[in-house]
Amino acid sequence: MPVPTVDPHRRDPAEIDPTGSYRPTDPVWVYRSGTWRAGVVEAASALAATVTYRPNSARGTGVDTLTAQYMIRRADPDPLLDSSPILGAPARR
């Protein structure tokens, strides 16, 4: 799945997965600073999820708490994020 192009403010609420349906280590796209970025769920509740994500194309990461509107499940692995021993995530696929 390529980077989403949908505006999070124009998403159909019926197509948004609730944050409580996400689990730790789930790969996601997160909408931050006007663009979708690869991320990994750290924790989730019915109200919000804490996600580690790549704020740009560099190796660094950011952590933020998001509501479901700003998250989409991600199928494609991110070579830097998904195999990071720092995040405790095993290499995917």
PDB file of N, CA and C in Angstrom:
ATOM      1  N   MET A   1       0.848  -1.178   0.000  1.00  0.00           N
ATOM      2  CA  MET A   1       0.000   0.000   0.000  1.00  0.00           C
ATOM      3  C   MET A   1       0.890   1.236   0.000  1.00  0.00           C
ATOM      4  N   PRO A   2       0.775   2.061  -1.003  1.00  0.00           N
ATOM      5  CA  PRO A   2       1.577   3.290  -1.022  1.00  0.00           C
ATOM      6  C   PRO A   2       1.080   4.281   0.032  1.00  0.00           C
ATOM      7  N   VAL A   3       1.809   5.353   0.181  1.00  0.00           N
ATOM      8  CA  VAL A   3       1.429   6.401   1.136  1.00  0.00           C
ATOM      9  C   VAL A   3       0.017   6.876   0.812  1.00  0.00           C
ATOM     10  N   PRO A   4      -0.869   6.942   1.799  1.00  0.00           N
ATOM     11  CA  PRO A   4      -2.236   7.408   1.548  1.00  0.00           C
ATOM     12  C   PRO A   4      -2.247   8.840   1.000  1.00  0.00           C
ATOM     13  N   THR A   5      -3.256   9.143   0.234  1.00  0.00           N
ATOM     14  CA  THR A   5      -3.416  10.495  -0.305  1.00  0.00           C
ATOM     15  C   THR A   5      -4.661  11.172   0.254  1.00  0.00           C
ATOM     16  N   VAL A   6      -5.428  10.454   1.038  1.00  0.00           N
ATOM     17  CA  VAL A   6      -6.671  10.980   1.590  1.00  0.00           C
ATOM     18  C   VAL A   6      -6.396  12.055   2.643  1.00  0.00           C
ATOM     19  N   ASP A   7      -7.206  13.092   2.625  1.00  0.00           N
ATOM     20  CA  ASP A   7      -7.154  14.128   3.658  1.00  0.00           C
ATOM     21  C   ASP A   7      -7.846  13.549   4.895  1.00  0.00           C
ATOM     22  N   PRO A   8      -7.168  13.515   6.059  1.00  0.00           N
ATOM     23  CA  PRO A   8      -7.793  12.900   7.237  1.00  0.00           C
ATOM     24  C   PRO A   8      -9.092  13.585   7.656  1.00  0.00           C
ATOM     25  N   HIS A   9      -9.256  14.847   7.297  1.00  0.00           N
ATOM     26  CA  HIS A   9     -10.466  15.577   7.656  1.00  0.00           C
ATOM     27  C   HIS A   9     -11.630  15.258   6.725  1.00  0.00           C
ATOM     28  N   ARG A  10     -11.359  14.551   5.635  1.00  0.00           N
ATOM     29  CA  ARG A  10     -12.406  14.191   4.679  1.00  0.00           C
ATOM     30  C   ARG A  10     -12.669  12.681   4.639  1.00  0.00           C
ATOM     31  N   ARG A  11     -12.113  11.961   5.594  1.00  0.00           N
ATOM     32  CA  ARG A  11     -12.324  10.505   5.638  1.00  0.00           C
ATOM     33  C   ARG A  11     -13.752  10.198   6.064  1.00  0.00           C
ATOM     34  N   ASP A  12     -14.290   9.142   5.472  1.00  0.00           N
ATOM     35  CA  ASP A  12     -15.622   8.669   5.834  1.00  0.00           C
ATOM     36  C   ASP A  12     -15.520   8.014   7.218  1.00  0.00           C
ATOM     37  N   PRO A  13     -16.231   8.506   8.218  1.00  0.00           N
ATOM     38  CA  PRO A  13     -16.147   7.919   9.565  1.00  0.00           C
ATOM     39  C   PRO A  13     -16.424   6.418   9.596  1.00  0.00           C
ATOM     40  N   ALA A  14     -17.237   5.935   8.686  1.00  0.00           N
ATOM     41  CA  ALA A  14     -17.542   4.498   8.643  1.00  0.00           C
ATOM     42  C   ALA A  14     -16.328   3.666   8.216  1.00  0.00           C
ATOM     43  N   GLU A  15     -15.337   4.297   7.596  1.00  0.00           N
ATOM     44  CA  GLU A  15     -14.155   3.580   7.111  1.00  0.00           C
ATOM     45  C   GLU A  15     -12.943   3.743   8.030  1.00  0.00           C
ATOM     46  N   ILE A  16     -13.140   4.386   9.166  1.00  0.00           N
ATOM     47  CA  ILE A  16     -12.040   4.611  10.108  1.00  0.00           C
ATOM     48  C   ILE A  16     -12.078   3.542  11.192  1.00  0.00           C
ATOM     49  N   ASP A  17     -10.975   2.784  11.307  1.00  0.00           N
ATOM     50  CA  ASP A  17     -10.885   1.780  12.369  1.00  0.00           C
ATOM     51  C   ASP A  17     -10.738   2.481  13.719  1.00  0.00           C
ATOM     52  N   PRO A  18     -11.484   2.056  14.736  1.00  0.00           N
ATOM     53  CA  PRO A  18     -11.337   2.680  16.055  1.00  0.00           C
ATOM     54  C   PRO A  18      -9.947   2.401  16.635  1.00  0.00           C
ATOM     55  N   THR A  19      -9.427   3.330  17.420  1.00  0.00           N
ATOM     56  CA  THR A  19      -8.086   3.133  17.971  1.00  0.00           C
ATOM     57  C   THR A  19      -8.005   1.890  18.852  1.00  0.00           C
ATOM     58  N   GLY A  20      -9.098   1.507  19.471  1.00  0.00           N
ATOM     59  CA  GLY A  20      -9.096   0.311  20.307  1.00  0.00           C
ATOM     60  C   GLY A  20      -8.887  -0.979  19.528  1.00  0.00           C
ATOM     61  N   SER A  21      -8.986  -0.912  18.200  1.00  0.00           N
ATOM     62  CA  SER A  21      -8.771  -2.112  17.379  1.00  0.00           C
ATOM     63  C   SER A  21      -7.295  -2.323  17.030  1.00  0.00           C
ATOM     64  N   TYR A  22      -6.454  -1.347  17.349  1.00  0.00           N
ATOM     65  CA  TYR A  22      -5.022  -1.468  17.077  1.00  0.00           C
ATOM     66  C   TYR A  22      -4.319  -2.135  18.246  1.00  0.00           C
ATOM     67  N   ARG A  23      -3.219  -2.831  17.944  1.00  0.00           N
ATOM     68  CA  ARG A  23      -2.424  -3.526  18.959  1.00  0.00           C
ATOM     69  C   ARG A  23      -0.976  -3.059  18.861  1.00  0.00           C
ATOM     70  N   PRO A  24      -0.211  -3.178  19.947  1.00  0.00           N
ATOM     71  CA  PRO A  24       1.209  -2.827  19.885  1.00  0.00           C
ATOM     72  C   PRO A  24       1.911  -3.563  18.738  1.00  0.00           C
ATOM     73  N   THR A  25       2.788  -2.862  18.076  1.00  0.00           N
ATOM     74  CA  THR A  25       3.588  -3.275  16.904  1.00  0.00           C
ATOM     75  C   THR A  25       2.798  -3.264  15.592  1.00  0.00           C
ATOM     76  N   ASP A  26       1.515  -2.899  15.607  1.00  0.00           N
ATOM     77  CA  ASP A  26       0.779  -2.792  14.338  1.00  0.00           C
ATOM     78  C   ASP A  26       1.403  -1.689  13.491  1.00  0.00           C
ATOM     79  N   PRO A  27       1.690  -1.980  12.219  1.00  0.00           N
ATOM     80  CA  PRO A  27       2.209  -0.937  11.329  1.00  0.00           C
ATOM     81  C   PRO A  27       1.076  -0.026  10.866  1.00  0.00           C
ATOM     82  N   VAL A  28       1.308   1.268  10.905  1.00  0.00           N
ATOM     83  CA  VAL A  28       0.281   2.241  10.537  1.00  0.00           C
ATOM     84  C   VAL A  28       0.905   3.396   9.756  1.00  0.00           C
ATOM     85  N   TRP A  29       0.034   4.142   9.103  1.00  0.00           N
ATOM     86  CA  TRP A  29       0.373   5.458   8.577  1.00  0.00           C
ATOM     87  C   TRP A  29      -0.211   6.453   9.564  1.00  0.00           C
ATOM     88  N   VAL A  30       0.542   7.495   9.897  1.00  0.00           N
ATOM     89  CA  VAL A  30       0.038   8.547  10.778  1.00  0.00           C
ATOM     90  C   VAL A  30       0.137   9.882  10.048  1.00  0.00           C
ATOM     91  N   TYR A  31      -0.839  10.734  10.272  1.00  0.00           N
ATOM     92  CA  TYR A  31      -0.861  12.037   9.620  1.00  0.00           C
ATOM     93  C   TYR A  31      -0.303  13.072  10.579  1.00  0.00           C
ATOM     94  N   ARG A  32       0.884  13.584  10.265  1.00  0.00           N
ATOM     95  CA  ARG A  32       1.555  14.589  11.088  1.00  0.00           C
ATOM     96  C   ARG A  32       2.180  15.629  10.169  1.00  0.00           C
ATOM     97  N   SER A  33       2.106  16.869  10.547  1.00  0.00           N
ATOM     98  CA  SER A  33       2.733  17.974   9.808  1.00  0.00           C
ATOM     99  C   SER A  33       2.337  17.988   8.331  1.00  0.00           C
ATOM    100  N   GLY A  34       1.068  17.667   8.050  1.00  0.00           N
ATOM    101  CA  GLY A  34       0.553  17.778   6.698  1.00  0.00           C
ATOM    102  C   GLY A  34       0.854  16.638   5.755  1.00  0.00           C
ATOM    103  N   THR A  35       1.373  15.530   6.271  1.00  0.00           N
ATOM    104  CA  THR A  35       1.666  14.381   5.405  1.00  0.00           C
ATOM    105  C   THR A  35       1.530  13.068   6.186  1.00  0.00           C
ATOM    106  N   TRP A  36       1.309  11.977   5.443  1.00  0.00           N
ATOM    107  CA  TRP A  36       1.225  10.651   6.046  1.00  0.00           C
ATOM    108  C   TRP A  36       2.638  10.111   6.219  1.00  0.00           C
ATOM    109  N   ARG A  37       2.918   9.535   7.396  1.00  0.00           N
ATOM    110  CA  ARG A  37       4.244   9.022   7.717  1.00  0.00           C
ATOM    111  C   ARG A  37       4.127   7.604   8.286  1.00  0.00           C
ATOM    112  N   ALA A  38       5.126   6.771   8.013  1.00  0.00           N
ATOM    113  CA  ALA A  38       5.135   5.405   8.529  1.00  0.00           C
ATOM    114  C   ALA A  38       5.277   5.424  10.039  1.00  0.00           C
ATOM    115  N   GLY A  39       4.498   4.566  10.713  1.00  0.00           N
ATOM    116  CA  GLY A  39       4.559   4.483  12.164  1.00  0.00           C
ATOM    117  C   GLY A  39       4.277   3.082  12.665  1.00  0.00           C
ATOM    118  N   VAL A  40       4.463   2.901  13.961  1.00  0.00           N
ATOM    119  CA  VAL A  40       4.195   1.635  14.641  1.00  0.00           C
ATOM    120  C   VAL A  40       3.463   1.958  15.940  1.00  0.00           C
ATOM    121  N   VAL A  41       2.378   1.261  16.201  1.00  0.00           N
ATOM    122  CA  VAL A  41       1.595   1.477  17.420  1.00  0.00           C
ATOM    123  C   VAL A  41       2.379   0.971  18.628  1.00  0.00           C
ATOM    124  N   GLU A  42       2.432   1.801  19.652  1.00  0.00           N
ATOM    125  CA  GLU A  42       3.062   1.421  20.921  1.00  0.00           C
ATOM    126  C   GLU A  42       2.011   0.965  21.921  1.00  0.00           C
ATOM    127  N   ALA A  43       0.882   1.671  21.958  1.00  0.00           N
ATOM    128  CA  ALA A  43      -0.221   1.354  22.877  1.00  0.00           C
ATOM    129  C   ALA A  43      -1.481   1.981  22.304  1.00  0.00           C
ATOM    130  N   ALA A  44      -2.624   1.396  22.639  1.00  0.00           N
ATOM    131  CA  ALA A  44      -3.892   1.942  22.134  1.00  0.00           C
ATOM    132  C   ALA A  44      -4.998   1.725  23.155  1.00  0.00           C
ATOM    133  N   SER A  45      -5.927   2.662  23.159  1.00  0.00           N
ATOM    134  CA  SER A  45      -7.125   2.559  23.996  1.00  0.00           C
ATOM    135  C   SER A  45      -8.314   2.906  23.120  1.00  0.00           C
ATOM    136  N   ALA A  46      -9.475   2.942  23.697  1.00  0.00           N
ATOM    137  CA  ALA A  46     -10.671   3.298  22.939  1.00  0.00           C
ATOM    138  C   ALA A  46     -10.637   4.753  22.471  1.00  0.00           C
ATOM    139  N   LEU A  47      -9.844   5.587  23.119  1.00  0.00           N
ATOM    140  CA  LEU A  47      -9.820   7.016  22.790  1.00  0.00           C
ATOM    141  C   LEU A  47      -8.669   7.440  21.891  1.00  0.00           C
ATOM    142  N   ALA A  48      -7.485   6.828  22.045  1.00  0.00           N
ATOM    143  CA  ALA A  48      -6.316   7.271  21.295  1.00  0.00           C
ATOM    144  C   ALA A  48      -5.252   6.183  21.269  1.00  0.00           C
ATOM    145  N   ALA A  49      -4.245   6.376  20.405  1.00  0.00           N
ATOM    146  CA  ALA A  49      -3.122   5.448  20.317  1.00  0.00           C
ATOM    147  C   ALA A  49      -1.819   6.236  20.395  1.00  0.00           C
ATOM    148  N   THR A  50      -0.832   5.642  21.041  1.00  0.00           N
ATOM    149  CA  THR A  50       0.508   6.210  21.061  1.00  0.00           C
ATOM    150  C   THR A  50       1.290   5.508  19.961  1.00  0.00           C
ATOM    151  N   VAL A  51       1.924   6.309  19.105  1.00  0.00           N
ATOM    152  CA  VAL A  51       2.579   5.776  17.912  1.00  0.00           C
ATOM    153  C   VAL A  51       3.993   6.345  17.806  1.00  0.00           C
ATOM    154  N   THR A  52       4.947   5.479  17.487  1.00  0.00           N
ATOM    155  CA  THR A  52       6.287   5.912  17.116  1.00  0.00           C
ATOM    156  C   THR A  52       6.285   6.005  15.604  1.00  0.00           C
ATOM    157  N   TYR A  53       6.790   7.100  15.064  1.00  0.00           N
ATOM    158  CA  TYR A  53       6.753   7.294  13.618  1.00  0.00           C
ATOM    159  C   TYR A  53       8.017   7.999  13.145  1.00  0.00           C
ATOM    160  N   ARG A  54       8.230   7.922  11.831  1.00  0.00           N
ATOM    161  CA  ARG A  54       9.369   8.618  11.230  1.00  0.00           C
ATOM    162  C   ARG A  54       8.903  10.011  10.817  1.00  0.00           C
ATOM    163  N   PRO A  55       9.396  11.070  11.458  1.00  0.00           N
ATOM    164  CA  PRO A  55       8.945  12.410  11.128  1.00  0.00           C
ATOM    165  C   PRO A  55       9.444  12.916   9.784  1.00  0.00           C
ATOM    166  N   ASN A  56      10.449  12.256   9.218  1.00  0.00           N
ATOM    167  CA  ASN A  56      10.951  12.599   7.886  1.00  0.00           C
ATOM    168  C   ASN A  56      11.687  11.392   7.327  1.00  0.00           C
ATOM    169  N   SER A  57      12.475  11.556   6.294  1.00  0.00           N
ATOM    170  CA  SER A  57      13.143  10.412   5.676  1.00  0.00           C
ATOM    171  C   SER A  57      14.419   9.997   6.408  1.00  0.00           C
ATOM    172  N   ALA A  58      14.778  10.704   7.471  1.00  0.00           N
ATOM    173  CA  ALA A  58      15.970  10.354   8.239  1.00  0.00           C
ATOM    174  C   ALA A  58      15.681   9.179   9.174  1.00  0.00           C
ATOM    175  N   ARG A  59      16.692   8.747   9.896  1.00  0.00           N
ATOM    176  CA  ARG A  59      16.554   7.594  10.779  1.00  0.00           C
ATOM    177  C   ARG A  59      15.888   7.902  12.113  1.00  0.00           C
ATOM    178  N   GLY A  60      15.737   9.125  12.493  1.00  0.00           N
ATOM    179  CA  GLY A  60      15.141   9.466  13.775  1.00  0.00           C
ATOM    180  C   GLY A  60      13.659   9.126  13.841  1.00  0.00           C
ATOM    181  N   THR A  61      13.115   9.111  15.056  1.00  0.00           N
ATOM    182  CA  THR A  61      11.690   8.846  15.250  1.00  0.00           C
ATOM    183  C   THR A  61      11.077   9.895  16.162  1.00  0.00           C
ATOM    184  N   GLY A  62       9.766   9.968  16.095  1.00  0.00           N
ATOM    185  CA  GLY A  62       8.996  10.800  16.990  1.00  0.00           C
ATOM    186  C   GLY A  62       7.922   9.942  17.629  1.00  0.00           C
ATOM    187  N   VAL A  63       7.383  10.388  18.731  1.00  0.00           N
ATOM    188  CA  VAL A  63       6.303   9.674  19.412  1.00  0.00           C
ATOM    189  C   VAL A  63       5.178  10.669  19.632  1.00  0.00           C
ATOM    190  N   ASP A  64       3.955  10.233  19.335  1.00  0.00           N
ATOM    191  CA  ASP A  64       2.808  11.112  19.499  1.00  0.00           C
ATOM    192  C   ASP A  64       1.588  10.275  19.846  1.00  0.00           C
ATOM    193  N   THR A  65       0.593  10.928  20.403  1.00  0.00           N
ATOM    194  CA  THR A  65      -0.681  10.290  20.704  1.00  0.00           C
ATOM    195  C   THR A  65      -1.699  10.823  19.710  1.00  0.00           C
ATOM    196  N   LEU A  66      -2.403   9.908  19.040  1.00  0.00           N
ATOM    197  CA  LEU A  66      -3.301  10.267  17.947  1.00  0.00           C
ATOM    198  C   LEU A  66      -4.676   9.649  18.122  1.00  0.00           C
ATOM    199  N   THR A  67      -5.668  10.294  17.546  1.00  0.00           N
ATOM    200  CA  THR A  67      -6.993   9.693  17.464  1.00  0.00           C
ATOM    201  C   THR A  67      -7.086   8.931  16.137  1.00  0.00           C
ATOM    202  N   ALA A  68      -8.106   8.115  16.004  1.00  0.00           N
ATOM    203  CA  ALA A  68      -8.259   7.225  14.858  1.00  0.00           C
ATOM    204  C   ALA A  68      -8.297   7.944  13.514  1.00  0.00           C
ATOM    205  N   GLN A  69      -8.802   9.134  13.484  1.00  0.00           N
ATOM    206  CA  GLN A  69      -8.907   9.905  12.244  1.00  0.00           C
ATOM    207  C   GLN A  69      -7.543  10.092  11.577  1.00  0.00           C
ATOM    208  N   TYR A  70      -6.489  10.121  12.361  1.00  0.00           N
ATOM    209  CA  TYR A  70      -5.152  10.400  11.852  1.00  0.00           C
ATOM    210  C   TYR A  70      -4.288   9.152  11.705  1.00  0.00           C
ATOM    211  N   MET A  71      -4.930   7.977  11.641  1.00  0.00           N
ATOM    212  CA  MET A  71      -4.212   6.713  11.492  1.00  0.00           C
ATOM    213  C   MET A  71      -4.878   5.858  10.419  1.00  0.00           C
ATOM    214  N   ILE A  72      -4.059   5.139   9.670  1.00  0.00           N
ATOM    215  CA  ILE A  72      -4.537   4.152   8.691  1.00  0.00           C
ATOM    216  C   ILE A  72      -3.596   2.959   8.784  1.00  0.00           C
ATOM    217  N   ARG A  73      -4.145   1.769   8.707  1.00  0.00           N
ATOM    218  CA  ARG A  73      -3.305   0.566   8.742  1.00  0.00           C
ATOM    219  C   ARG A  73      -2.346   0.568   7.553  1.00  0.00           C
ATOM    220  N   ARG A  74      -1.146   0.072   7.785  1.00  0.00           N
ATOM    221  CA  ARG A  74      -0.100   0.041   6.759  1.00  0.00           C
ATOM    222  C   ARG A  74       0.268  -1.403   6.470  1.00  0.00           C
ATOM    223  N   ALA A  75       0.305  -1.779   5.178  1.00  0.00           N
ATOM    224  CA  ALA A  75       0.654  -3.144   4.792  1.00  0.00           C
ATOM    225  C   ALA A  75       2.126  -3.268   4.403  1.00  0.00           C
ATOM    226  N   ASP A  76       2.672  -2.260   3.751  1.00  0.00           N
ATOM    227  CA  ASP A  76       4.055  -2.327   3.287  1.00  0.00           C
ATOM    228  C   ASP A  76       5.018  -2.066   4.435  1.00  0.00           C
ATOM    229  N   PRO A  77       6.089  -2.852   4.514  1.00  0.00           N
ATOM    230  CA  PRO A  77       7.065  -2.620   5.574  1.00  0.00           C
ATOM    231  C   PRO A  77       7.872  -1.350   5.324  1.00  0.00           C
ATOM    232  N   ASP A  78       8.260  -0.709   6.385  1.00  0.00           N
ATOM    233  CA  ASP A  78       9.157   0.433   6.315  1.00  0.00           C
ATOM    234  C   ASP A  78      10.539  -0.100   6.696  1.00  0.00           C
ATOM    235  N   PRO A  79      11.533   0.014   5.805  1.00  0.00           N
ATOM    236  CA  PRO A  79      12.833  -0.611   6.059  1.00  0.00           C
ATOM    237  C   PRO A  79      13.559  -0.100   7.303  1.00  0.00           C
ATOM    238  N   LEU A  80      13.334   1.117   7.693  1.00  0.00           N
ATOM    239  CA  LEU A  80      14.007   1.640   8.879  1.00  0.00           C
ATOM    240  C   LEU A  80      13.203   1.427  10.149  1.00  0.00           C
ATOM    241  N   LEU A  81      11.911   1.574  10.072  1.00  0.00           N
ATOM    242  CA  LEU A  81      11.061   1.545  11.257  1.00  0.00           C
ATOM    243  C   LEU A  81      10.696   0.124  11.693  1.00  0.00           C
ATOM    244  N   ASP A  82      10.334  -0.721  10.771  1.00  0.00           N
ATOM    245  CA  ASP A  82       9.816  -2.038  11.132  1.00  0.00           C
ATOM    246  C   ASP A  82      10.887  -3.031  11.561  1.00  0.00           C
ATOM    247  N   SER A  83      12.132  -2.766  11.238  1.00  0.00           N
ATOM    248  CA  SER A  83      13.191  -3.696  11.649  1.00  0.00           C
ATOM    249  C   SER A  83      14.065  -3.103  12.749  1.00  0.00           C
ATOM    250  N   SER A  84      13.590  -2.053  13.388  1.00  0.00           N
ATOM    251  CA  SER A  84      14.376  -1.363  14.402  1.00  0.00           C
ATOM    252  C   SER A  84      14.448  -2.150  15.707  1.00  0.00           C
ATOM    253  N   PRO A  85      15.653  -2.548  16.117  1.00  0.00           N
ATOM    254  CA  PRO A  85      15.779  -3.228  17.416  1.00  0.00           C
ATOM    255  C   PRO A  85      15.469  -2.275  18.570  1.00  0.00           C
ATOM    256  N   ILE A  86      15.587  -0.981  18.347  1.00  0.00           N
ATOM    257  CA  ILE A  86      15.290   0.002  19.388  1.00  0.00           C
ATOM    258  C   ILE A  86      13.808  -0.050  19.741  1.00  0.00           C
ATOM    259  N   LEU A  87      12.967  -0.225  18.725  1.00  0.00           N
ATOM    260  CA  LEU A  87      11.536  -0.266  18.961  1.00  0.00           C
ATOM    261  C   LEU A  87      11.072  -1.625  19.447  1.00  0.00           C
ATOM    262  N   GLY A  88      11.960  -2.611  19.405  1.00  0.00           N
ATOM    263  CA  GLY A  88      11.584  -3.947  19.839  1.00  0.00           C
ATOM    264  C   GLY A  88      10.722  -4.654  18.823  1.00  0.00           C
ATOM    265  N   ALA A  89      10.658  -4.123  17.616  1.00  0.00           N
ATOM    266  CA  ALA A  89       9.823  -4.731  16.580  1.00  0.00           C
ATOM    267  C   ALA A  89      10.683  -5.658  15.740  1.00  0.00           C
ATOM    268  N   PRO A  90      10.240  -6.895  15.560  1.00  0.00           N
ATOM    269  CA  PRO A  90      10.985  -7.795  14.679  1.00  0.00           C
ATOM    270  C   PRO A  90      10.859  -7.337  13.239  1.00  0.00           C
ATOM    271  N   ALA A  91      11.811  -7.715  12.422  1.00  0.00           N
ATOM    272  CA  ALA A  91      11.722  -7.400  11.002  1.00  0.00           C
ATOM    273  C   ALA A  91      10.473  -8.057  10.458  1.00  0.00           C
ATOM    274  N   ARG A  92       9.704  -7.322   9.690  1.00  0.00           N
ATOM    275  CA  ARG A  92       8.461  -7.842   9.124  1.00  0.00           C
ATOM    276  C   ARG A  92       8.731  -8.411   7.752  1.00  0.00           C
ATOM    277  N   ARG A  93       8.085  -9.527   7.472  1.00  0.00           N
ATOM    278  CA  ARG A  93       8.161 -10.228   6.180  1.00  0.00           C
ATOM    279  C   ARG A  93       9.543 -10.655   5.905  1.00  0.00           C
TER     280      ARG A  93
END
